[in-house]
Amino acid sequence: IVARLGELQPHLVELEPNSLAAGDARRLICEHLPRLVDSYLGLPPALRGPQSESSLRFTESLNLVAEELDHLLETCCRERQLSFDTQHRFLETRYREHRALKGE
């Protein structure tokens, strides 16, 4: 999660503050994740043992958070990917297909 947050951070700066992705990121990072950690740490130590049901659920929840961070990163990078794909298609059309039409 920490690595994903580090990777996501520069992309979040570029988001419009009122965008859906920015709101989702704020809720997940600033509200949901801290509440999850706080509620887990608020359990008595006996319920937080390595193989306890609570620890297994906590791990599952952290995995869900990690998956959502991946989704947010994908969403943030979608425009960049589309721009890159457009440039690739342009170059391919301009140079590869152009030469083929000329018989080169």
PDB file of N, CA and C in Angstrom:
ATOM      1  N   ILE A   1       0.833  -1.183   0.000  1.00  0.00           N
ATOM      2  CA  ILE A   1       0.000   0.000   0.000  1.00  0.00           C
ATOM      3  C   ILE A   1       0.881   1.250   0.000  1.00  0.00           C
ATOM      4  N   VAL A   2       1.936   1.243   0.784  1.00  0.00           N
ATOM      5  CA  VAL A   2       2.820   2.406   0.845  1.00  0.00           C
ATOM      6  C   VAL A   2       3.458   2.659  -0.523  1.00  0.00           C
ATOM      7  N   ALA A   3       3.901   1.610  -1.186  1.00  0.00           N
ATOM      8  CA  ALA A   3       4.500   1.765  -2.517  1.00  0.00           C
ATOM      9  C   ALA A   3       3.474   2.293  -3.510  1.00  0.00           C
ATOM     10  N   ARG A   4       2.255   1.773  -3.452  1.00  0.00           N
ATOM     11  CA  ARG A   4       1.206   2.243  -4.361  1.00  0.00           C
ATOM     12  C   ARG A   4       0.868   3.713  -4.092  1.00  0.00           C
ATOM     13  N   LEU A   5       0.829   4.099  -2.825  1.00  0.00           N
ATOM     14  CA  LEU A   5       0.570   5.506  -2.487  1.00  0.00           C
ATOM     15  C   LEU A   5       1.663   6.401  -3.052  1.00  0.00           C
ATOM     16  N   GLY A   6       2.909   5.950  -2.941  1.00  0.00           N
ATOM     17  CA  GLY A   6       4.024   6.715  -3.492  1.00  0.00           C
ATOM     18  C   GLY A   6       3.931   6.856  -4.997  1.00  0.00           C
ATOM     19  N   GLU A   7       3.513   5.811  -5.657  1.00  0.00           N
ATOM     20  CA  GLU A   7       3.374   5.843  -7.114  1.00  0.00           C
ATOM     21  C   GLU A   7       2.186   6.700  -7.538  1.00  0.00           C
ATOM     22  N   LEU A   8       1.147   6.678  -6.749  1.00  0.00           N
ATOM     23  CA  LEU A   8      -0.074   7.411  -7.066  1.00  0.00           C
ATOM     24  C   LEU A   8       0.052   8.907  -6.795  1.00  0.00           C
ATOM     25  N   GLN A   9       0.821   9.284  -5.799  1.00  0.00           N
ATOM     26  CA  GLN A   9       0.896  10.671  -5.334  1.00  0.00           C
ATOM     27  C   GLN A   9       1.133  11.691  -6.447  1.00  0.00           C
ATOM     28  N   PRO A  10       2.127  11.522  -7.325  1.00  0.00           N
ATOM     29  CA  PRO A  10       2.340  12.548  -8.356  1.00  0.00           C
ATOM     30  C   PRO A  10       1.154  12.687  -9.310  1.00  0.00           C
ATOM     31  N   HIS A  11       0.414  11.626  -9.501  1.00  0.00           N
ATOM     32  CA  HIS A  11      -0.737  11.674 -10.403  1.00  0.00           C
ATOM     33  C   HIS A  11      -1.916  12.385  -9.751  1.00  0.00           C
ATOM     34  N   LEU A  12      -2.040  12.254  -8.445  1.00  0.00           N
ATOM     35  CA  LEU A  12      -3.143  12.894  -7.738  1.00  0.00           C
ATOM     36  C   LEU A  12      -3.027  14.411  -7.807  1.00  0.00           C
ATOM     37  N   VAL A  13      -1.804  14.921  -7.824  1.00  0.00           N
ATOM     38  CA  VAL A  13      -1.576  16.362  -7.892  1.00  0.00           C
ATOM     39  C   VAL A  13      -2.173  16.937  -9.180  1.00  0.00           C
ATOM     40  N   GLU A  14      -2.169  16.161 -10.239  1.00  0.00           N
ATOM     41  CA  GLU A  14      -2.633  16.637 -11.537  1.00  0.00           C
ATOM     42  C   GLU A  14      -4.147  16.535 -11.718  1.00  0.00           C
ATOM     43  N   LEU A  15      -4.835  15.862 -10.800  1.00  0.00           N
ATOM     44  CA  LEU A  15      -6.285  15.706 -10.927  1.00  0.00           C
ATOM     45  C   LEU A  15      -7.014  17.001 -10.599  1.00  0.00           C
ATOM     46  N   GLU A  16      -8.131  17.225 -11.272  1.00  0.00           N
ATOM     47  CA  GLU A  16      -9.012  18.325 -10.908  1.00  0.00           C
ATOM     48  C   GLU A  16      -9.546  18.037  -9.510  1.00  0.00           C
ATOM     49  N   PRO A  17      -9.492  18.989  -8.601  1.00  0.00           N
ATOM     50  CA  PRO A  17      -9.908  18.737  -7.215  1.00  0.00           C
ATOM     51  C   PRO A  17     -11.338  18.210  -7.062  1.00  0.00           C
ATOM     52  N   ASN A  18     -12.225  18.591  -7.962  1.00  0.00           N
ATOM     53  CA  ASN A  18     -13.622  18.161  -7.855  1.00  0.00           C
ATOM     54  C   ASN A  18     -13.951  16.949  -8.720  1.00  0.00           C
ATOM     55  N   SER A  19     -12.935  16.335  -9.297  1.00  0.00           N
ATOM     56  CA  SER A  19     -13.176  15.176 -10.157  1.00  0.00           C
ATOM     57  C   SER A  19     -13.569  13.957  -9.324  1.00  0.00           C
ATOM     58  N   LEU A  20     -14.213  13.026  -9.974  1.00  0.00           N
ATOM     59  CA  LEU A  20     -14.636  11.790  -9.317  1.00  0.00           C
ATOM     60  C   LEU A  20     -13.430  11.024  -8.770  1.00  0.00           C
ATOM     61  N   ALA A  21     -12.370  10.939  -9.559  1.00  0.00           N
ATOM     62  CA  ALA A  21     -11.165  10.213  -9.124  1.00  0.00           C
ATOM     63  C   ALA A  21     -10.535  10.881  -7.901  1.00  0.00           C
ATOM     64  N   ALA A  22     -10.503  12.212  -7.882  1.00  0.00           N
ATOM     65  CA  ALA A  22      -9.926  12.919  -6.739  1.00  0.00           C
ATOM     66  C   ALA A  22     -10.750  12.669  -5.483  1.00  0.00           C
ATOM     67  N   GLY A  23     -12.070  12.691  -5.628  1.00  0.00           N
ATOM     68  CA  GLY A  23     -12.946  12.413  -4.483  1.00  0.00           C
ATOM     69  C   GLY A  23     -12.779  10.999  -3.978  1.00  0.00           C
ATOM     70  N   ASP A  24     -12.714  10.041  -4.906  1.00  0.00           N
ATOM     71  CA  ASP A  24     -12.512   8.637  -4.511  1.00  0.00           C
ATOM     72  C   ASP A  24     -11.188   8.469  -3.774  1.00  0.00           C
ATOM     73  N   ALA A  25     -10.142   9.098  -4.293  1.00  0.00           N
ATOM     74  CA  ALA A  25      -8.826   8.990  -3.667  1.00  0.00           C
ATOM     75  C   ALA A  25      -8.834   9.603  -2.270  1.00  0.00           C
ATOM     76  N   ARG A  26      -9.435  10.782  -2.151  1.00  0.00           N
ATOM     77  CA  ARG A  26      -9.506  11.436  -0.831  1.00  0.00           C
ATOM     78  C   ARG A  26     -10.224  10.566   0.186  1.00  0.00           C
ATOM     79  N   ARG A  27     -11.373  10.017  -0.201  1.00  0.00           N
ATOM     80  CA  ARG A  27     -12.137   9.181   0.728  1.00  0.00           C
ATOM     81  C   ARG A  27     -11.353   7.937   1.127  1.00  0.00           C
ATOM     82  N   LEU A  28     -10.756   7.275   0.152  1.00  0.00           N
ATOM     83  CA  LEU A  28     -10.022   6.044   0.445  1.00  0.00           C
ATOM     84  C   LEU A  28      -8.798   6.315   1.318  1.00  0.00           C
ATOM     85  N   ILE A  29      -7.994   7.292   0.919  1.00  0.00           N
ATOM     86  CA  ILE A  29      -6.719   7.542   1.586  1.00  0.00           C
ATOM     87  C   ILE A  29      -6.887   8.289   2.909  1.00  0.00           C
ATOM     88  N   CYS A  30      -7.798   9.243   2.947  1.00  0.00           N
ATOM     89  CA  CYS A  30      -7.916  10.111   4.131  1.00  0.00           C
ATOM     90  C   CYS A  30      -8.985   9.673   5.124  1.00  0.00           C
ATOM     91  N   GLU A  31      -9.918   8.832   4.672  1.00  0.00           N
ATOM     92  CA  GLU A  31     -10.991   8.433   5.569  1.00  0.00           C
ATOM     93  C   GLU A  31     -11.035   6.918   5.790  1.00  0.00           C
ATOM     94  N   HIS A  32     -11.264   6.177   4.728  1.00  0.00           N
ATOM     95  CA  HIS A  32     -11.512   4.741   4.872  1.00  0.00           C
ATOM     96  C   HIS A  32     -10.303   3.966   5.393  1.00  0.00           C
ATOM     97  N   LEU A  33      -9.142   4.202   4.809  1.00  0.00           N
ATOM     98  CA  LEU A  33      -7.941   3.482   5.254  1.00  0.00           C
ATOM     99  C   LEU A  33      -7.594   3.815   6.713  1.00  0.00           C
ATOM    100  N   PRO A  34      -7.551   5.088   7.089  1.00  0.00           N
ATOM    101  CA  PRO A  34      -7.257   5.373   8.509  1.00  0.00           C
ATOM    102  C   PRO A  34      -8.298   4.791   9.462  1.00  0.00           C
ATOM    103  N   ARG A  35      -9.587   4.829   9.082  1.00  0.00           N
ATOM    104  CA  ARG A  35     -10.611   4.245   9.950  1.00  0.00           C
ATOM    105  C   ARG A  35     -10.425   2.744  10.107  1.00  0.00           C
ATOM    106  N   LEU A  36     -10.057   2.070   9.011  1.00  0.00           N
ATOM    107  CA  LEU A  36      -9.813   0.634   9.072  1.00  0.00           C
ATOM    108  C   LEU A  36      -8.680   0.334  10.054  1.00  0.00           C
ATOM    109  N   VAL A  37      -7.581   1.051   9.917  1.00  0.00           N
ATOM    110  CA  VAL A  37      -6.422   0.822  10.783  1.00  0.00           C
ATOM    111  C   VAL A  37      -6.776   1.142  12.236  1.00  0.00           C
ATOM    112  N   ASP A  38      -7.421   2.267  12.440  1.00  0.00           N
ATOM    113  CA  ASP A  38      -7.795   2.646  13.817  1.00  0.00           C
ATOM    114  C   ASP A  38      -8.735   1.631  14.455  1.00  0.00           C
ATOM    115  N   SER A  39      -9.710   1.156  13.681  1.00  0.00           N
ATOM    116  CA  SER A  39     -10.664   0.197  14.258  1.00  0.00           C
ATOM    117  C   SER A  39      -9.977  -1.134  14.566  1.00  0.00           C
ATOM    118  N   TYR A  40      -9.039  -1.532  13.715  1.00  0.00           N
ATOM    119  CA  TYR A  40      -8.296  -2.762  13.971  1.00  0.00           C
ATOM    120  C   TYR A  40      -7.417  -2.608  15.217  1.00  0.00           C
ATOM    121  N   LEU A  41      -6.715  -1.497  15.296  1.00  0.00           N
ATOM    122  CA  LEU A  41      -5.838  -1.263  16.450  1.00  0.00           C
ATOM    123  C   LEU A  41      -6.629  -1.050  17.739  1.00  0.00           C
ATOM    124  N   GLY A  42      -7.904  -0.717  17.616  1.00  0.00           N
ATOM    125  CA  GLY A  42      -8.748  -0.551  18.787  1.00  0.00           C
ATOM    126  C   GLY A  42      -9.223  -1.863  19.384  1.00  0.00           C
ATOM    127  N   LEU A  43      -9.028  -2.958  18.646  1.00  0.00           N
ATOM    128  CA  LEU A  43      -9.397  -4.275  19.174  1.00  0.00           C
ATOM    129  C   LEU A  43      -8.436  -4.678  20.280  1.00  0.00           C
ATOM    130  N   PRO A  44      -8.899  -5.462  21.223  1.00  0.00           N
ATOM    131  CA  PRO A  44      -7.969  -5.971  22.246  1.00  0.00           C
ATOM    132  C   PRO A  44      -6.866  -6.810  21.585  1.00  0.00           C
ATOM    133  N   PRO A  45      -5.658  -6.755  22.125  1.00  0.00           N
ATOM    134  CA  PRO A  45      -4.537  -7.504  21.545  1.00  0.00           C
ATOM    135  C   PRO A  45      -4.841  -8.981  21.320  1.00  0.00           C
ATOM    136  N   ALA A  46      -5.628  -9.576  22.183  1.00  0.00           N
ATOM    137  CA  ALA A  46      -5.948 -11.005  22.034  1.00  0.00           C
ATOM    138  C   ALA A  46      -6.710 -11.277  20.740  1.00  0.00           C
ATOM    139  N   LEU A  47      -7.455 -10.299  20.255  1.00  0.00           N
ATOM    140  CA  LEU A  47      -8.225 -10.473  19.017  1.00  0.00           C
ATOM    141  C   LEU A  47      -7.412 -10.131  17.767  1.00  0.00           C
ATOM    142  N   ARG A  48      -6.182  -9.657  17.964  1.00  0.00           N
ATOM    143  CA  ARG A  48      -5.333  -9.269  16.838  1.00  0.00           C
ATOM    144  C   ARG A  48      -4.168 -10.226  16.641  1.00  0.00           C
ATOM    145  N   GLY A  49      -4.251 -11.422  17.151  1.00  0.00           N
ATOM    146  CA  GLY A  49      -3.174 -12.395  16.993  1.00  0.00           C
ATOM    147  C   GLY A  49      -2.941 -12.710  15.523  1.00  0.00           C
ATOM    148  N   PRO A  50      -1.755 -13.218  15.207  1.00  0.00           N
ATOM    149  CA  PRO A  50      -1.382 -13.473  13.804  1.00  0.00           C
ATOM    150  C   PRO A  50      -2.388 -14.311  13.016  1.00  0.00           C
ATOM    151  N   GLN A  51      -3.011 -15.287  13.625  1.00  0.00           N
ATOM    152  CA  GLN A  51      -3.951 -16.153  12.903  1.00  0.00           C
ATOM    153  C   GLN A  51      -5.410 -15.899  13.305  1.00  0.00           C
ATOM    154  N   SER A  52      -5.650 -14.792  13.965  1.00  0.00           N
ATOM    155  CA  SER A  52      -7.013 -14.502  14.424  1.00  0.00           C
ATOM    156  C   SER A  52      -7.915 -14.148  13.239  1.00  0.00           C
ATOM    157  N   GLU A  53      -9.197 -14.327  13.438  1.00  0.00           N
ATOM    158  CA  GLU A  53     -10.184 -13.962  12.419  1.00  0.00           C
ATOM    159  C   GLU A  53     -10.084 -12.473  12.100  1.00  0.00           C
ATOM    160  N   SER A  54      -9.877 -11.658  13.120  1.00  0.00           N
ATOM    161  CA  SER A  54      -9.761 -10.210  12.915  1.00  0.00           C
ATOM    162  C   SER A  54      -8.550  -9.870  12.054  1.00  0.00           C
ATOM    163  N   SER A  55      -7.436 -10.526  12.301  1.00  0.00           N
ATOM    164  CA  SER A  55      -6.232 -10.265  11.504  1.00  0.00           C
ATOM    165  C   SER A  55      -6.417 -10.713  10.060  1.00  0.00           C
ATOM    166  N   LEU A  56      -7.092 -11.828   9.865  1.00  0.00           N
ATOM    167  CA  LEU A  56      -7.368 -12.288   8.499  1.00  0.00           C
ATOM    168  C   LEU A  56      -8.270 -11.297   7.769  1.00  0.00           C
ATOM    169  N   ARG A  57      -9.290 -10.800   8.450  1.00  0.00           N
ATOM    170  CA  ARG A  57     -10.188  -9.806   7.845  1.00  0.00           C
ATOM    171  C   ARG A  57      -9.447  -8.497   7.564  1.00  0.00           C
ATOM    172  N   PHE A  58      -8.568  -8.121   8.477  1.00  0.00           N
ATOM    173  CA  PHE A  58      -7.782  -6.907   8.286  1.00  0.00           C
ATOM    174  C   PHE A  58      -6.907  -7.044   7.036  1.00  0.00           C
ATOM    175  N   THR A  59      -6.278  -8.198   6.892  1.00  0.00           N
ATOM    176  CA  THR A  59      -5.450  -8.454   5.715  1.00  0.00           C
ATOM    177  C   THR A  59      -6.287  -8.401   4.437  1.00  0.00           C
ATOM    178  N   GLU A  60      -7.457  -9.003   4.460  1.00  0.00           N
ATOM    179  CA  GLU A  60      -8.366  -8.947   3.307  1.00  0.00           C
ATOM    180  C   GLU A  60      -8.735  -7.503   2.981  1.00  0.00           C
ATOM    181  N   SER A  61      -9.025  -6.735   4.006  1.00  0.00           N
ATOM    182  CA  SER A  61      -9.387  -5.332   3.796  1.00  0.00           C
ATOM    183  C   SER A  61      -8.224  -4.543   3.210  1.00  0.00           C
ATOM    184  N   LEU A  62      -7.021  -4.797   3.702  1.00  0.00           N
ATOM    185  CA  LEU A  62      -5.850  -4.119   3.142  1.00  0.00           C
ATOM    186  C   LEU A  62      -5.639  -4.501   1.686  1.00  0.00           C
ATOM    187  N   ASN A  63      -5.903  -5.754   1.355  1.00  0.00           N
ATOM    188  CA  ASN A  63      -5.802  -6.178  -0.049  1.00  0.00           C
ATOM    189  C   ASN A  63      -6.825  -5.453  -0.910  1.00  0.00           C
ATOM    190  N   LEU A  64      -8.025  -5.247  -0.390  1.00  0.00           N
ATOM    191  CA  LEU A  64      -9.037  -4.484  -1.120  1.00  0.00           C
ATOM    192  C   LEU A  64      -8.589  -3.042  -1.340  1.00  0.00           C
ATOM    193  N   VAL A  65      -7.994  -2.456  -0.315  1.00  0.00           N
ATOM    194  CA  VAL A  65      -7.479  -1.091  -0.442  1.00  0.00           C
ATOM    195  C   VAL A  65      -6.391  -1.046  -1.509  1.00  0.00           C
ATOM    196  N   ALA A  66      -5.487  -2.008  -1.499  1.00  0.00           N
ATOM    197  CA  ALA A  66      -4.415  -2.059  -2.495  1.00  0.00           C
ATOM    198  C   ALA A  66      -4.984  -2.187  -3.908  1.00  0.00           C
ATOM    199  N   GLU A  67      -5.995  -3.013  -4.079  1.00  0.00           N
ATOM    200  CA  GLU A  67      -6.630  -3.165  -5.391  1.00  0.00           C
ATOM    201  C   GLU A  67      -7.267  -1.860  -5.835  1.00  0.00           C
ATOM    202  N   GLU A  68      -7.904  -1.168  -4.909  1.00  0.00           N
ATOM    203  CA  GLU A  68      -8.536   0.107  -5.254  1.00  0.00           C
ATOM    204  C   GLU A  68      -7.489   1.161  -5.593  1.00  0.00           C
ATOM    205  N   LEU A  69      -6.361   1.141  -4.910  1.00  0.00           N
ATOM    206  CA  LEU A  69      -5.280   2.059  -5.255  1.00  0.00           C
ATOM    207  C   LEU A  69      -4.759   1.770  -6.661  1.00  0.00           C
ATOM    208  N   ASP A  70      -4.661   0.495  -7.015  1.00  0.00           N
ATOM    209  CA  ASP A  70      -4.279   0.127  -8.383  1.00  0.00           C
ATOM    210  C   ASP A  70      -5.281   0.680  -9.386  1.00  0.00           C
ATOM    211  N   HIS A  71      -6.562   0.555  -9.062  1.00  0.00           N
ATOM    212  CA  HIS A  71      -7.617   1.061  -9.939  1.00  0.00           C
ATOM    213  C   HIS A  71      -7.514   2.587 -10.079  1.00  0.00           C
ATOM    214  N   LEU A  72      -7.275   3.277  -8.976  1.00  0.00           N
ATOM    215  CA  LEU A  72      -7.117   4.731  -9.027  1.00  0.00           C
ATOM    216  C   LEU A  72      -5.919   5.130  -9.882  1.00  0.00           C
ATOM    217  N   LEU A  73      -4.824   4.404  -9.733  1.00  0.00           N
ATOM    218  CA  LEU A  73      -3.636   4.689 -10.536  1.00  0.00           C
ATOM    219  C   LEU A  73      -3.936   4.490 -12.017  1.00  0.00           C
ATOM    220  N   GLU A  74      -4.633   3.425 -12.321  1.00  0.00           N
ATOM    221  CA  GLU A  74      -5.025   3.161 -13.707  1.00  0.00           C
ATOM    222  C   GLU A  74      -5.904   4.291 -14.237  1.00  0.00           C
ATOM    223  N   THR A  75      -6.842   4.737 -13.435  1.00  0.00           N
ATOM    224  CA  THR A  75      -7.729   5.829 -13.834  1.00  0.00           C
ATOM    225  C   THR A  75      -6.937   7.107 -14.070  1.00  0.00           C
ATOM    226  N   CYS A  76      -6.021   7.414 -13.169  1.00  0.00           N
ATOM    227  CA  CYS A  76      -5.211   8.626 -13.298  1.00  0.00           C
ATOM    228  C   CYS A  76      -4.325   8.585 -14.540  1.00  0.00           C
ATOM    229  N   CYS A  77      -3.870   7.426 -14.900  1.00  0.00           N
ATOM    230  CA  CYS A  77      -2.942   7.293 -16.022  1.00  0.00           C
ATOM    231  C   CYS A  77      -3.637   7.069 -17.357  1.00  0.00           C
ATOM    232  N   ARG A  78      -4.939   6.903 -17.327  1.00  0.00           N
ATOM    233  CA  ARG A  78      -5.676   6.592 -18.558  1.00  0.00           C
ATOM    234  C   ARG A  78      -5.453   7.652 -19.631  1.00  0.00           C
ATOM    235  N   GLU A  79      -5.535   8.932 -19.277  1.00  0.00           N
ATOM    236  CA  GLU A  79      -5.336   9.993 -20.261  1.00  0.00           C
ATOM    237  C   GLU A  79      -3.946   9.949 -20.848  1.00  0.00           C
ATOM    238  N   ARG A  80      -2.958   9.731 -20.014  1.00  0.00           N
ATOM    239  CA  ARG A  80      -1.587   9.627 -20.522  1.00  0.00           C
ATOM    240  C   ARG A  80      -1.440   8.443 -21.459  1.00  0.00           C
ATOM    241  N   GLN A  81      -2.071   7.338 -21.101  1.00  0.00           N
ATOM    242  CA  GLN A  81      -2.009   6.150 -21.948  1.00  0.00           C
ATOM    243  C   GLN A  81      -2.691   6.416 -23.292  1.00  0.00           C
ATOM    244  N   LEU A  82      -3.835   7.082 -23.251  1.00  0.00           N
ATOM    245  CA  LEU A  82      -4.542   7.407 -24.494  1.00  0.00           C
ATOM    246  C   LEU A  82      -3.703   8.330 -25.368  1.00  0.00           C
ATOM    247  N   SER A  83      -3.053   9.296 -24.767  1.00  0.00           N
ATOM    248  CA  SER A  83      -2.190  10.203 -25.520  1.00  0.00           C
ATOM    249  C   SER A  83      -1.022   9.443 -26.158  1.00  0.00           C
ATOM    250  N   PHE A  84      -0.410   8.551 -25.383  1.00  0.00           N
ATOM    251  CA  PHE A  84       0.686   7.739 -25.903  1.00  0.00           C
ATOM    252  C   PHE A  84       0.200   6.860 -27.058  1.00  0.00           C
ATOM    253  N   ASP A  85      -0.948   6.211 -26.883  1.00  0.00           N
ATOM    254  CA  ASP A  85      -1.504   5.348 -27.932  1.00  0.00           C
ATOM    255  C   ASP A  85      -1.786   6.143 -29.203  1.00  0.00           C
ATOM    256  N   THR A  86      -2.288   7.358 -29.048  1.00  0.00           N
ATOM    257  CA  THR A  86      -2.566   8.211 -30.205  1.00  0.00           C
ATOM    258  C   THR A  86      -1.277   8.544 -30.943  1.00  0.00           C
ATOM    259  N   GLN A  87      -0.227   8.884 -30.201  1.00  0.00           N
ATOM    260  CA  GLN A  87       1.059   9.181 -30.828  1.00  0.00           C
ATOM    261  C   GLN A  87       1.616   7.961 -31.555  1.00  0.00           C
ATOM    262  N   HIS A  88       1.476   6.808 -30.923  1.00  0.00           N
ATOM    263  CA  HIS A  88       1.952   5.572 -31.549  1.00  0.00           C
ATOM    264  C   HIS A  88       1.215   5.320 -32.871  1.00  0.00           C
ATOM    265  N   ARG A  89      -0.101   5.441 -32.843  1.00  0.00           N
ATOM    266  CA  ARG A  89      -0.887   5.217 -34.065  1.00  0.00           C
ATOM    267  C   ARG A  89      -0.522   6.225 -35.150  1.00  0.00           C
ATOM    268  N   PHE A  90      -0.336   7.476 -34.751  1.00  0.00           N
ATOM    269  CA  PHE A  90       0.050   8.499 -35.719  1.00  0.00           C
ATOM    270  C   PHE A  90       1.360   8.128 -36.396  1.00  0.00           C
ATOM    271  N   LEU A  91       2.376   7.794 -35.593  1.00  0.00           N
ATOM    272  CA  LEU A  91       3.678   7.453 -36.165  1.00  0.00           C
ATOM    273  C   LEU A  91       3.599   6.214 -37.042  1.00  0.00           C
ATOM    274  N   GLU A  92       2.845   5.242 -36.576  1.00  0.00           N
ATOM    275  CA  GLU A  92       2.689   4.025 -37.360  1.00  0.00           C
ATOM    276  C   GLU A  92       2.021   4.330 -38.697  1.00  0.00           C
ATOM    277  N   THR A  93       0.966   5.109 -38.655  1.00  0.00           N
ATOM    278  CA  THR A  93       0.250   5.465 -39.890  1.00  0.00           C
ATOM    279  C   THR A  93       1.124   6.336 -40.771  1.00  0.00           C
ATOM    280  N   ARG A  94       1.755   7.305 -40.200  1.00  0.00           N
ATOM    281  CA  ARG A  94       2.545   8.270 -40.953  1.00  0.00           C
ATOM    282  C   ARG A  94       3.754   7.649 -41.613  1.00  0.00           C
ATOM    283  N   TYR A  95       4.446   6.789 -40.904  1.00  0.00           N
ATOM    284  CA  TYR A  95       5.711   6.300 -41.441  1.00  0.00           C
ATOM    285  C   TYR A  95       5.661   4.872 -41.953  1.00  0.00           C
ATOM    286  N   ARG A  96       5.051   3.982 -41.225  1.00  0.00           N
ATOM    287  CA  ARG A  96       5.031   2.597 -41.669  1.00  0.00           C
ATOM    288  C   ARG A  96       4.057   2.434 -42.846  1.00  0.00           C
ATOM    289  N   GLU A  97       2.828   2.861 -42.655  1.00  0.00           N
ATOM    290  CA  GLU A  97       1.828   2.696 -43.708  1.00  0.00           C
ATOM    291  C   GLU A  97       2.093   3.632 -44.881  1.00  0.00           C
ATOM    292  N   HIS A  98       2.631   4.792 -44.629  1.00  0.00           N
ATOM    293  CA  HIS A  98       2.946   5.752 -45.691  1.00  0.00           C
ATOM    294  C   HIS A  98       3.988   5.164 -46.639  1.00  0.00           C
ATOM    295  N   ARG A  99       5.010   4.520 -46.078  1.00  0.00           N
ATOM    296  CA  ARG A  99       6.042   3.891 -46.896  1.00  0.00           C
ATOM    297  C   ARG A  99       5.459   2.731 -47.711  1.00  0.00           C
ATOM    298  N   ALA A 100       4.580   1.982 -47.090  1.00  0.00           N
ATOM    299  CA  ALA A 100       3.977   0.843 -47.790  1.00  0.00           C
ATOM    300  C   ALA A 100       3.165   1.315 -48.980  1.00  0.00           C
ATOM    301  N   LEU A 101       2.489   2.437 -48.843  1.00  0.00           N
ATOM    302  CA  LEU A 101       1.702   2.989 -49.957  1.00  0.00           C
ATOM    303  C   LEU A 101       2.593   3.496 -51.073  1.00  0.00           C
ATOM    304  N   LYS A 102       3.764   3.998 -50.731  1.00  0.00           N
ATOM    305  CA  LYS A 102       4.708   4.505 -51.728  1.00  0.00           C
ATOM    306  C   LYS A 102       5.500   3.382 -52.395  1.00  0.00           C
ATOM    307  N   GLY A 103       5.411   2.192 -51.827  1.00  0.00           N
ATOM    308  CA  GLY A 103       6.146   1.062 -52.356  1.00  0.00           C
ATOM    309  C   GLY A 103       7.591   1.007 -51.895  1.00  0.00           C
ATOM    310  N   GLU A 104       7.874   1.630 -50.785  1.00  0.00           N
ATOM    311  CA  GLU A 104       9.252   1.635 -50.258  1.00  0.00           C
ATOM    312  C   GLU A 104       9.517   0.421 -49.429  1.00  0.00           C
TER     313      GLU A 104
END
